[in-house]
N, C-alpha and C. Protein backbone atom coordinates (compact mmCIF):
# COMPACT_ATOMS: atom_id res chain seq x y z
N MET A 1 4.36 -4.65 18.66
CA MET A 1 4.70 -3.30 19.02
C MET A 1 6.18 -2.99 18.80
N ALA A 2 6.96 -3.99 18.44
CA ALA A 2 8.38 -3.76 18.18
C ALA A 2 8.57 -2.83 17.00
N GLN A 3 7.65 -2.87 16.03
CA GLN A 3 7.75 -1.99 14.87
C GLN A 3 7.62 -0.52 15.28
N VAL A 4 6.74 -0.21 16.19
CA VAL A 4 6.57 1.17 16.62
C VAL A 4 7.80 1.63 17.39
N ALA A 5 8.33 0.79 18.24
CA ALA A 5 9.51 1.15 19.03
C ALA A 5 10.72 1.39 18.13
N SER A 6 10.77 0.70 16.97
CA SER A 6 11.92 0.83 16.09
C SER A 6 11.75 1.92 15.03
N MET A 7 10.73 2.74 15.13
CA MET A 7 10.51 3.80 14.14
C MET A 7 11.67 4.77 14.16
N GLY A 8 12.24 4.98 12.99
CA GLY A 8 13.32 5.95 12.86
C GLY A 8 12.79 7.26 12.31
N GLY A 9 13.72 8.14 12.00
CA GLY A 9 13.31 9.44 11.48
C GLY A 9 12.99 9.40 9.99
N THR A 10 13.61 8.45 9.26
CA THR A 10 13.37 8.34 7.82
C THR A 10 12.75 6.99 7.51
N LEU A 11 12.27 6.86 6.28
CA LEU A 11 11.63 5.62 5.86
C LEU A 11 12.62 4.46 5.86
N THR A 12 13.84 4.67 5.40
CA THR A 12 14.83 3.60 5.38
C THR A 12 15.20 3.14 6.79
N GLU A 13 15.38 4.08 7.69
CA GLU A 13 15.70 3.72 9.08
C GLU A 13 14.58 2.92 9.71
N THR A 14 13.35 3.19 9.30
CA THR A 14 12.20 2.53 9.89
C THR A 14 11.95 1.14 9.31
N ILE A 15 11.96 1.03 7.98
CA ILE A 15 11.57 -0.25 7.36
C ILE A 15 12.68 -1.27 7.30
N GLY A 16 13.94 -0.86 7.37
CA GLY A 16 15.04 -1.81 7.37
C GLY A 16 15.28 -2.46 6.02
N GLU A 17 16.04 -3.54 6.02
CA GLU A 17 16.43 -4.22 4.78
C GLU A 17 15.84 -5.61 4.65
N ASN A 18 15.27 -6.16 5.70
CA ASN A 18 14.72 -7.52 5.69
C ASN A 18 13.37 -7.53 4.96
N ALA A 19 13.16 -8.54 4.10
CA ALA A 19 11.92 -8.63 3.31
C ALA A 19 10.69 -8.74 4.20
N ARG A 20 10.77 -9.55 5.23
CA ARG A 20 9.61 -9.74 6.11
C ARG A 20 9.29 -8.45 6.87
N THR A 21 10.32 -7.74 7.30
CA THR A 21 10.11 -6.47 8.00
C THR A 21 9.52 -5.44 7.05
N ARG A 22 10.00 -5.43 5.82
CA ARG A 22 9.46 -4.48 4.84
C ARG A 22 7.99 -4.74 4.56
N LEU A 23 7.59 -6.00 4.51
CA LEU A 23 6.17 -6.31 4.29
C LEU A 23 5.32 -5.83 5.46
N VAL A 24 5.82 -6.03 6.68
CA VAL A 24 5.08 -5.54 7.85
C VAL A 24 4.93 -4.03 7.78
N TRP A 25 6.03 -3.33 7.50
CA TRP A 25 5.96 -1.87 7.47
C TRP A 25 5.12 -1.37 6.31
N LEU A 26 5.17 -2.05 5.19
CA LEU A 26 4.32 -1.65 4.07
C LEU A 26 2.86 -1.73 4.47
N GLY A 27 2.47 -2.83 5.11
CA GLY A 27 1.10 -2.97 5.59
C GLY A 27 0.74 -1.91 6.61
N LEU A 28 1.65 -1.63 7.54
CA LEU A 28 1.39 -0.63 8.57
C LEU A 28 1.31 0.78 8.01
N LEU A 29 2.19 1.11 7.07
CA LEU A 29 2.18 2.45 6.49
C LEU A 29 0.96 2.69 5.62
N ALA A 30 0.41 1.63 5.04
CA ALA A 30 -0.79 1.77 4.20
C ALA A 30 -2.05 1.89 5.05
N MET A 31 -2.03 1.40 6.28
CA MET A 31 -3.24 1.39 7.12
C MET A 31 -3.85 2.76 7.38
N PRO A 32 -3.06 3.82 7.66
CA PRO A 32 -3.71 5.13 7.87
C PRO A 32 -4.47 5.61 6.63
N LEU A 33 -4.07 5.13 5.47
CA LEU A 33 -4.72 5.55 4.24
C LEU A 33 -6.05 4.83 4.01
N LEU A 34 -6.39 3.88 4.89
CA LEU A 34 -7.70 3.24 4.81
C LEU A 34 -8.80 4.20 5.26
N LEU A 35 -8.41 5.21 6.01
CA LEU A 35 -9.36 6.23 6.45
C LEU A 35 -9.42 7.33 5.40
N PRO A 36 -10.60 7.81 5.09
CA PRO A 36 -10.70 8.84 4.04
C PRO A 36 -10.28 10.23 4.52
N VAL A 37 -9.04 10.32 4.98
CA VAL A 37 -8.48 11.61 5.38
C VAL A 37 -7.23 11.84 4.55
N ALA A 38 -6.93 13.07 4.29
CA ALA A 38 -5.78 13.40 3.46
C ALA A 38 -4.50 13.47 4.30
N LEU A 39 -3.53 12.68 3.91
CA LEU A 39 -2.19 12.77 4.47
C LEU A 39 -1.28 13.12 3.29
N PRO A 40 -0.95 14.39 3.11
CA PRO A 40 -0.23 14.83 1.93
C PRO A 40 1.06 14.05 1.69
N GLY A 41 1.20 13.53 0.49
CA GLY A 41 2.41 12.82 0.09
C GLY A 41 2.46 11.36 0.48
N MET A 42 1.61 10.92 1.40
CA MET A 42 1.68 9.52 1.86
C MET A 42 1.28 8.54 0.76
N GLY A 43 0.30 8.90 -0.06
CA GLY A 43 -0.14 8.00 -1.14
C GLY A 43 1.00 7.69 -2.09
N LEU A 44 1.73 8.71 -2.49
CA LEU A 44 2.86 8.52 -3.39
C LEU A 44 3.96 7.72 -2.71
N ALA A 45 4.28 8.05 -1.46
CA ALA A 45 5.35 7.34 -0.75
C ALA A 45 5.01 5.88 -0.53
N VAL A 46 3.79 5.58 -0.10
CA VAL A 46 3.39 4.18 0.13
C VAL A 46 3.29 3.43 -1.19
N GLY A 47 2.78 4.09 -2.23
CA GLY A 47 2.72 3.46 -3.54
C GLY A 47 4.10 3.11 -4.07
N ALA A 48 5.03 4.05 -3.95
CA ALA A 48 6.40 3.80 -4.42
C ALA A 48 7.07 2.70 -3.58
N LEU A 49 6.88 2.75 -2.27
CA LEU A 49 7.43 1.69 -1.41
C LEU A 49 6.87 0.33 -1.81
N SER A 50 5.60 0.28 -2.13
CA SER A 50 4.96 -0.96 -2.55
C SER A 50 5.62 -1.51 -3.82
N VAL A 51 5.91 -0.63 -4.76
CA VAL A 51 6.57 -1.06 -6.01
C VAL A 51 7.96 -1.61 -5.71
N PHE A 52 8.71 -0.94 -4.82
CA PHE A 52 10.06 -1.41 -4.51
C PHE A 52 10.06 -2.73 -3.74
N VAL A 53 9.13 -2.89 -2.82
CA VAL A 53 9.01 -4.17 -2.10
C VAL A 53 8.62 -5.26 -3.09
N ALA A 54 7.72 -4.96 -4.02
CA ALA A 54 7.30 -5.93 -5.03
C ALA A 54 8.45 -6.33 -5.94
N CYS A 55 9.28 -5.37 -6.32
CA CYS A 55 10.46 -5.70 -7.14
C CYS A 55 11.40 -6.62 -6.38
N GLY A 56 11.56 -6.36 -5.09
CA GLY A 56 12.38 -7.24 -4.27
C GLY A 56 11.81 -8.65 -4.21
N LEU A 57 10.49 -8.78 -4.15
CA LEU A 57 9.86 -10.10 -4.17
C LEU A 57 10.15 -10.82 -5.47
N CYS A 58 9.99 -10.12 -6.57
CA CYS A 58 10.19 -10.75 -7.89
C CYS A 58 11.64 -11.14 -8.13
N LEU A 59 12.58 -10.33 -7.63
CA LEU A 59 14.01 -10.57 -7.86
C LEU A 59 14.66 -11.44 -6.79
N SER A 60 13.93 -11.76 -5.74
CA SER A 60 14.43 -12.57 -4.61
C SER A 60 15.51 -11.88 -3.79
N HIS A 61 15.64 -10.58 -3.91
CA HIS A 61 16.52 -9.81 -3.02
C HIS A 61 15.98 -8.39 -2.95
N GLN A 62 16.26 -7.70 -1.86
CA GLN A 62 15.70 -6.38 -1.63
C GLN A 62 16.32 -5.35 -2.55
N VAL A 63 15.47 -4.52 -3.09
CA VAL A 63 15.89 -3.42 -3.95
C VAL A 63 16.05 -2.19 -3.07
N PRO A 64 17.21 -1.53 -3.13
CA PRO A 64 17.37 -0.34 -2.30
C PRO A 64 16.40 0.75 -2.75
N LEU A 65 15.91 1.50 -1.78
CA LEU A 65 14.98 2.57 -2.09
C LEU A 65 15.73 3.74 -2.71
N PRO A 66 15.10 4.45 -3.64
CA PRO A 66 15.76 5.64 -4.18
C PRO A 66 15.91 6.69 -3.07
N ARG A 67 16.88 7.55 -3.25
CA ARG A 67 17.21 8.52 -2.21
C ARG A 67 16.01 9.37 -1.80
N TRP A 68 15.17 9.81 -2.76
CA TRP A 68 14.03 10.67 -2.43
C TRP A 68 13.03 9.97 -1.53
N LEU A 69 12.91 8.63 -1.69
CA LEU A 69 11.98 7.88 -0.86
C LEU A 69 12.66 7.45 0.44
N ALA A 70 13.93 7.06 0.35
CA ALA A 70 14.67 6.61 1.53
C ALA A 70 14.78 7.70 2.58
N LYS A 71 14.94 8.93 2.15
CA LYS A 71 15.11 10.05 3.07
C LYS A 71 13.79 10.66 3.52
N ARG A 72 12.67 10.12 3.05
CA ARG A 72 11.35 10.65 3.40
C ARG A 72 11.15 10.50 4.91
N GLY A 73 10.88 11.59 5.56
CA GLY A 73 10.70 11.58 7.01
C GLY A 73 9.30 11.18 7.42
N LEU A 74 9.20 10.56 8.57
CA LEU A 74 7.90 10.24 9.15
C LEU A 74 7.62 11.28 10.23
N ASN A 75 6.63 12.13 9.97
CA ASN A 75 6.36 13.18 10.94
C ASN A 75 5.61 12.62 12.15
N ALA A 76 5.47 13.45 13.15
CA ALA A 76 4.85 13.02 14.41
C ALA A 76 3.41 12.56 14.22
N ARG A 77 2.68 13.21 13.31
CA ARG A 77 1.29 12.82 13.05
C ARG A 77 1.21 11.40 12.49
N VAL A 78 2.08 11.09 11.54
CA VAL A 78 2.10 9.75 10.95
C VAL A 78 2.50 8.72 11.99
N LYS A 79 3.51 9.04 12.81
CA LYS A 79 3.95 8.10 13.85
C LYS A 79 2.84 7.84 14.87
N THR A 80 2.11 8.89 15.22
CA THR A 80 1.00 8.73 16.18
C THR A 80 -0.10 7.85 15.59
N LEU A 81 -0.46 8.12 14.34
CA LEU A 81 -1.47 7.30 13.67
C LEU A 81 -1.03 5.84 13.59
N LEU A 82 0.24 5.64 13.23
CA LEU A 82 0.75 4.27 13.13
C LEU A 82 0.75 3.57 14.49
N ALA A 83 1.13 4.27 15.53
CA ALA A 83 1.15 3.66 16.86
C ALA A 83 -0.23 3.17 17.27
N ARG A 84 -1.26 4.00 17.00
CA ARG A 84 -2.63 3.59 17.32
C ARG A 84 -3.08 2.42 16.47
N MET A 85 -2.74 2.48 15.20
CA MET A 85 -3.19 1.43 14.29
C MET A 85 -2.48 0.10 14.51
N VAL A 86 -1.21 0.16 14.94
CA VAL A 86 -0.47 -1.08 15.18
C VAL A 86 -1.16 -1.92 16.24
N SER A 87 -1.54 -1.30 17.33
CA SER A 87 -2.16 -2.08 18.41
C SER A 87 -3.48 -2.70 17.95
N ARG A 88 -4.27 -1.94 17.19
CA ARG A 88 -5.52 -2.49 16.67
C ARG A 88 -5.26 -3.56 15.62
N ALA A 89 -4.32 -3.27 14.73
CA ALA A 89 -4.06 -4.18 13.61
C ALA A 89 -3.54 -5.53 14.08
N VAL A 90 -2.59 -5.50 14.98
CA VAL A 90 -2.00 -6.75 15.45
C VAL A 90 -3.06 -7.63 16.11
N GLY A 91 -3.92 -7.03 16.90
CA GLY A 91 -4.99 -7.80 17.53
C GLY A 91 -5.98 -8.36 16.53
N THR A 92 -6.41 -7.52 15.61
CA THR A 92 -7.40 -7.95 14.61
C THR A 92 -6.82 -8.97 13.65
N ILE A 93 -5.67 -8.67 13.10
CA ILE A 93 -5.05 -9.57 12.12
C ILE A 93 -4.69 -10.89 12.78
N GLY A 94 -4.23 -10.84 14.01
CA GLY A 94 -3.90 -12.07 14.73
C GLY A 94 -5.10 -12.99 14.93
N ARG A 95 -6.29 -12.41 15.07
CA ARG A 95 -7.50 -13.22 15.25
C ARG A 95 -8.01 -13.83 13.95
N VAL A 96 -7.86 -13.12 12.84
CA VAL A 96 -8.46 -13.60 11.60
C VAL A 96 -7.49 -14.29 10.65
N SER A 97 -6.21 -14.13 10.86
CA SER A 97 -5.24 -14.66 9.92
C SER A 97 -4.50 -15.87 10.48
N ARG A 98 -4.19 -16.76 9.58
CA ARG A 98 -3.36 -17.92 9.91
C ARG A 98 -2.82 -18.48 8.59
N PRO A 99 -1.75 -19.24 8.65
CA PRO A 99 -1.22 -19.82 7.41
C PRO A 99 -2.25 -20.77 6.78
N ARG A 100 -2.64 -20.49 5.55
CA ARG A 100 -3.58 -21.33 4.81
C ARG A 100 -3.40 -21.05 3.32
N LEU A 101 -3.83 -22.00 2.52
CA LEU A 101 -3.63 -21.92 1.08
C LEU A 101 -2.18 -21.52 0.76
N LEU A 102 -1.26 -22.27 1.34
CA LEU A 102 0.16 -21.93 1.27
C LEU A 102 0.73 -21.81 -0.15
N PRO A 103 0.21 -22.55 -1.14
CA PRO A 103 0.77 -22.37 -2.49
C PRO A 103 0.71 -20.92 -3.00
N LEU A 104 -0.24 -20.14 -2.51
CA LEU A 104 -0.34 -18.74 -2.96
C LEU A 104 0.78 -17.87 -2.39
N SER A 105 1.45 -18.32 -1.35
CA SER A 105 2.54 -17.53 -0.77
C SER A 105 3.90 -18.19 -0.97
N ASN A 106 3.96 -19.29 -1.69
CA ASN A 106 5.23 -19.97 -1.96
C ASN A 106 6.00 -19.30 -3.09
N ARG A 107 7.22 -19.75 -3.30
CA ARG A 107 8.09 -19.18 -4.33
C ARG A 107 7.48 -19.16 -5.74
N PRO A 108 6.82 -20.22 -6.19
CA PRO A 108 6.26 -20.16 -7.55
C PRO A 108 5.25 -19.03 -7.76
N ALA A 109 4.60 -18.60 -6.70
CA ALA A 109 3.61 -17.52 -6.81
C ALA A 109 4.24 -16.14 -6.59
N ARG A 110 5.55 -16.10 -6.41
CA ARG A 110 6.24 -14.84 -6.12
C ARG A 110 6.01 -13.79 -7.20
N LEU A 111 6.06 -14.20 -8.47
CA LEU A 111 5.88 -13.26 -9.57
C LEU A 111 4.47 -12.67 -9.57
N LEU A 112 3.47 -13.53 -9.37
CA LEU A 112 2.08 -13.05 -9.30
C LEU A 112 1.90 -12.07 -8.15
N ASN A 113 2.42 -12.43 -6.98
CA ASN A 113 2.28 -11.56 -5.81
C ASN A 113 3.02 -10.24 -6.02
N GLY A 114 4.20 -10.31 -6.60
CA GLY A 114 4.95 -9.09 -6.89
C GLY A 114 4.22 -8.20 -7.89
N LEU A 115 3.62 -8.82 -8.91
CA LEU A 115 2.86 -8.07 -9.90
C LEU A 115 1.64 -7.40 -9.27
N MET A 116 0.92 -8.14 -8.44
CA MET A 116 -0.26 -7.57 -7.79
C MET A 116 0.12 -6.43 -6.84
N LEU A 117 1.20 -6.59 -6.12
CA LEU A 117 1.66 -5.53 -5.21
C LEU A 117 2.11 -4.30 -6.01
N THR A 118 2.73 -4.53 -7.15
CA THR A 118 3.14 -3.42 -8.02
C THR A 118 1.92 -2.66 -8.54
N VAL A 119 0.93 -3.40 -9.03
CA VAL A 119 -0.28 -2.76 -9.56
C VAL A 119 -1.00 -1.97 -8.46
N ALA A 120 -1.10 -2.55 -7.28
CA ALA A 120 -1.74 -1.85 -6.16
C ALA A 120 -0.95 -0.58 -5.80
N GLY A 121 0.37 -0.68 -5.82
CA GLY A 121 1.21 0.49 -5.52
C GLY A 121 1.06 1.58 -6.57
N LEU A 122 0.97 1.19 -7.84
CA LEU A 122 0.78 2.18 -8.89
C LEU A 122 -0.59 2.84 -8.79
N ALA A 123 -1.61 2.06 -8.42
CA ALA A 123 -2.94 2.64 -8.21
C ALA A 123 -2.91 3.62 -7.04
N MET A 124 -2.14 3.30 -6.02
CA MET A 124 -2.01 4.19 -4.86
C MET A 124 -1.29 5.49 -5.24
N ALA A 125 -0.24 5.37 -6.05
CA ALA A 125 0.58 6.53 -6.39
C ALA A 125 -0.08 7.43 -7.44
N THR A 126 -1.07 6.92 -8.14
CA THR A 126 -1.74 7.72 -9.18
C THR A 126 -2.62 8.77 -8.52
N PRO A 127 -2.31 10.03 -8.77
CA PRO A 127 -3.13 11.08 -8.15
C PRO A 127 -4.48 11.20 -8.84
N VAL A 128 -5.52 11.30 -8.05
CA VAL A 128 -6.86 11.51 -8.58
C VAL A 128 -7.30 12.87 -8.06
N PRO A 129 -7.47 13.84 -8.98
CA PRO A 129 -7.80 15.18 -8.51
C PRO A 129 -9.19 15.28 -7.89
N VAL A 130 -9.33 16.12 -6.91
CA VAL A 130 -10.56 16.53 -6.25
C VAL A 130 -11.14 15.47 -5.30
N VAL A 131 -10.83 14.21 -5.46
CA VAL A 131 -11.42 13.15 -4.64
C VAL A 131 -10.52 12.88 -3.44
N SER A 132 -11.07 12.95 -2.23
CA SER A 132 -10.23 12.78 -1.03
C SER A 132 -10.13 11.34 -0.57
N PHE A 133 -10.95 10.44 -1.11
CA PHE A 133 -10.92 9.05 -0.68
C PHE A 133 -10.34 8.13 -1.74
N ASP A 134 -9.56 8.67 -2.67
CA ASP A 134 -9.04 7.89 -3.78
C ASP A 134 -8.03 6.83 -3.37
N ASN A 135 -7.40 6.96 -2.20
CA ASN A 135 -6.38 5.99 -1.78
C ASN A 135 -6.92 4.85 -0.93
N VAL A 136 -8.19 4.87 -0.59
CA VAL A 136 -8.73 3.86 0.32
C VAL A 136 -8.66 2.46 -0.29
N LEU A 137 -9.12 2.29 -1.52
CA LEU A 137 -9.11 0.95 -2.13
C LEU A 137 -7.70 0.45 -2.42
N PRO A 138 -6.80 1.27 -3.00
CA PRO A 138 -5.42 0.78 -3.16
C PRO A 138 -4.76 0.47 -1.81
N ALA A 139 -5.05 1.26 -0.79
CA ALA A 139 -4.48 0.98 0.54
C ALA A 139 -4.97 -0.36 1.06
N LEU A 140 -6.26 -0.64 0.87
CA LEU A 140 -6.81 -1.93 1.29
C LEU A 140 -6.10 -3.08 0.57
N ALA A 141 -5.88 -2.91 -0.73
CA ALA A 141 -5.19 -3.94 -1.50
C ALA A 141 -3.77 -4.16 -0.97
N ILE A 142 -3.05 -3.08 -0.70
CA ILE A 142 -1.68 -3.18 -0.21
C ILE A 142 -1.65 -3.82 1.17
N VAL A 143 -2.57 -3.44 2.03
CA VAL A 143 -2.63 -4.03 3.38
C VAL A 143 -2.89 -5.53 3.28
N LEU A 144 -3.87 -5.93 2.49
CA LEU A 144 -4.19 -7.36 2.38
C LEU A 144 -3.04 -8.15 1.76
N LEU A 145 -2.43 -7.61 0.71
CA LEU A 145 -1.33 -8.32 0.06
C LEU A 145 -0.10 -8.41 0.96
N SER A 146 0.27 -7.31 1.60
CA SER A 146 1.48 -7.34 2.41
C SER A 146 1.31 -8.23 3.65
N TRP A 147 0.18 -8.12 4.34
CA TRP A 147 -0.04 -8.99 5.50
C TRP A 147 -0.26 -10.44 5.06
N GLY A 148 -0.93 -10.64 3.94
CA GLY A 148 -1.12 -12.00 3.43
C GLY A 148 0.21 -12.67 3.12
N LEU A 149 1.14 -11.91 2.52
CA LEU A 149 2.46 -12.47 2.23
C LEU A 149 3.25 -12.69 3.52
N ARG A 150 3.21 -11.73 4.41
CA ARG A 150 3.97 -11.84 5.66
C ARG A 150 3.50 -13.01 6.51
N LEU A 151 2.17 -13.22 6.58
CA LEU A 151 1.61 -14.27 7.43
C LEU A 151 1.31 -15.56 6.67
N ARG A 152 1.60 -15.56 5.36
CA ARG A 152 1.38 -16.71 4.49
C ARG A 152 -0.09 -17.14 4.50
N ASP A 153 -0.96 -16.15 4.44
CA ASP A 153 -2.40 -16.38 4.46
C ASP A 153 -2.94 -16.23 3.03
N GLY A 154 -3.21 -17.36 2.39
CA GLY A 154 -3.69 -17.35 1.01
C GLY A 154 -5.05 -16.72 0.85
N VAL A 155 -5.91 -16.84 1.86
CA VAL A 155 -7.23 -16.22 1.79
C VAL A 155 -7.08 -14.70 1.76
N MET A 156 -6.19 -14.19 2.59
CA MET A 156 -5.94 -12.76 2.61
C MET A 156 -5.33 -12.30 1.28
N LEU A 157 -4.47 -13.13 0.70
CA LEU A 157 -3.88 -12.80 -0.59
C LEU A 157 -4.95 -12.74 -1.68
N MET A 158 -5.88 -13.70 -1.68
CA MET A 158 -6.95 -13.69 -2.68
C MET A 158 -7.82 -12.44 -2.51
N ALA A 159 -8.11 -12.07 -1.28
CA ALA A 159 -8.86 -10.83 -1.03
C ALA A 159 -8.06 -9.63 -1.54
N GLY A 160 -6.75 -9.68 -1.40
CA GLY A 160 -5.89 -8.62 -1.92
C GLY A 160 -5.91 -8.54 -3.43
N TYR A 161 -5.98 -9.70 -4.11
CA TYR A 161 -6.08 -9.70 -5.57
C TYR A 161 -7.37 -9.01 -6.01
N VAL A 162 -8.47 -9.35 -5.34
CA VAL A 162 -9.77 -8.74 -5.67
C VAL A 162 -9.73 -7.23 -5.38
N ALA A 163 -9.18 -6.87 -4.23
CA ALA A 163 -9.10 -5.44 -3.87
C ALA A 163 -8.23 -4.67 -4.86
N THR A 164 -7.18 -5.31 -5.38
CA THR A 164 -6.33 -4.66 -6.38
C THR A 164 -7.11 -4.39 -7.66
N ALA A 165 -7.88 -5.38 -8.11
CA ALA A 165 -8.68 -5.20 -9.33
C ALA A 165 -9.71 -4.09 -9.13
N VAL A 166 -10.36 -4.06 -7.98
CA VAL A 166 -11.36 -3.03 -7.70
C VAL A 166 -10.68 -1.65 -7.59
N ALA A 167 -9.49 -1.60 -6.98
CA ALA A 167 -8.77 -0.33 -6.84
C ALA A 167 -8.38 0.24 -8.20
N VAL A 168 -7.88 -0.62 -9.08
CA VAL A 168 -7.51 -0.15 -10.42
C VAL A 168 -8.75 0.33 -11.17
N ALA A 169 -9.84 -0.42 -11.07
CA ALA A 169 -11.08 -0.01 -11.73
C ALA A 169 -11.57 1.33 -11.18
N SER A 170 -11.46 1.54 -9.87
CA SER A 170 -11.94 2.80 -9.29
C SER A 170 -11.08 3.97 -9.74
N VAL A 171 -9.76 3.79 -9.80
CA VAL A 171 -8.87 4.86 -10.25
C VAL A 171 -9.18 5.21 -11.71
N VAL A 172 -9.36 4.19 -12.54
CA VAL A 172 -9.69 4.43 -13.95
C VAL A 172 -11.03 5.15 -14.07
N LEU A 173 -12.03 4.70 -13.32
CA LEU A 173 -13.35 5.34 -13.38
C LEU A 173 -13.31 6.78 -12.86
N LEU A 174 -12.54 7.03 -11.79
CA LEU A 174 -12.44 8.39 -11.27
C LEU A 174 -11.75 9.31 -12.28
N TRP A 175 -10.71 8.82 -12.94
CA TRP A 175 -10.05 9.63 -13.97
C TRP A 175 -10.97 9.86 -15.15
N TRP A 176 -11.67 8.82 -15.59
CA TRP A 176 -12.58 8.95 -16.72
C TRP A 176 -13.70 9.93 -16.37
N GLY A 177 -14.33 9.76 -15.20
CA GLY A 177 -15.40 10.66 -14.78
C GLY A 177 -14.90 12.09 -14.65
N GLY A 178 -13.72 12.27 -14.10
CA GLY A 178 -13.14 13.60 -13.96
C GLY A 178 -12.87 14.25 -15.31
N SER A 179 -12.41 13.46 -16.28
CA SER A 179 -12.15 14.03 -17.60
C SER A 179 -13.45 14.42 -18.30
N VAL A 180 -14.50 13.62 -18.13
CA VAL A 180 -15.80 13.96 -18.71
C VAL A 180 -16.32 15.26 -18.12
N VAL A 181 -16.26 15.39 -16.81
CA VAL A 181 -16.72 16.61 -16.15
C VAL A 181 -15.88 17.80 -16.59
N ALA A 182 -14.57 17.63 -16.66
CA ALA A 182 -13.69 18.73 -17.08
C ALA A 182 -14.01 19.16 -18.51
N LEU A 183 -14.22 18.21 -19.40
CA LEU A 183 -14.55 18.55 -20.79
C LEU A 183 -15.88 19.28 -20.88
N GLN A 184 -16.87 18.87 -20.09
CA GLN A 184 -18.16 19.55 -20.10
C GLN A 184 -18.06 20.96 -19.54
N LEU A 185 -17.28 21.14 -18.50
CA LEU A 185 -17.06 22.48 -17.96
C LEU A 185 -16.34 23.37 -18.96
N MET A 186 -15.36 22.82 -19.64
CA MET A 186 -14.64 23.60 -20.65
C MET A 186 -15.57 23.98 -21.79
N SER A 187 -16.47 23.08 -22.18
CA SER A 187 -17.38 23.39 -23.29
C SER A 187 -18.37 24.50 -22.90
N LEU A 188 -18.65 24.64 -21.60
CA LEU A 188 -19.52 25.72 -21.16
C LEU A 188 -18.84 27.08 -21.32
N PHE A 189 -17.53 27.14 -21.07
CA PHE A 189 -16.81 28.39 -21.12
C PHE A 189 -16.20 28.69 -22.49
N TRP A 190 -15.87 27.64 -23.23
CA TRP A 190 -15.30 27.80 -24.58
C TRP A 190 -16.09 26.97 -25.58
N PRO A 191 -17.20 27.50 -26.04
CA PRO A 191 -18.06 26.72 -26.94
C PRO A 191 -17.47 26.45 -28.30
């Protein structure tokens, strides 16, 4: 619950500069997006944060957030959702997670983990028109990867790798399906 108590007004004030703290906050900020409800702008912000945390993993030092993301405010609705989810998440994750398959969270795997977190973040940030649940799978991937890295749980990391692949496939399929429907609708009006 220390994370909720330390929530600041902006994203930078909240997530801090420590890599471990950033992973915790990345996982916490992605959790509300597991629910198929629209939180305007959160998908892009969490996706971008995921990419920056991943770059920090790959480079072995934290990458400062760009000003547009650093100054992003956390409104009362997001803070309330996070406060509720933190208490549930800490209890649930504490019961199912433990350090295991440590080679997946060690330094040699840093590039793979950074790449997977980047891909999940890009899938999260990619807007999918008309579909309200498009962020659920990328959010799941980000939650599993960030908590897996933070808690050094290789099983959770492997589940995150699978969730990332499924998230990318779903975003591609939603875009492809949307383009097919759009082309068919256009052909009805402009033969």
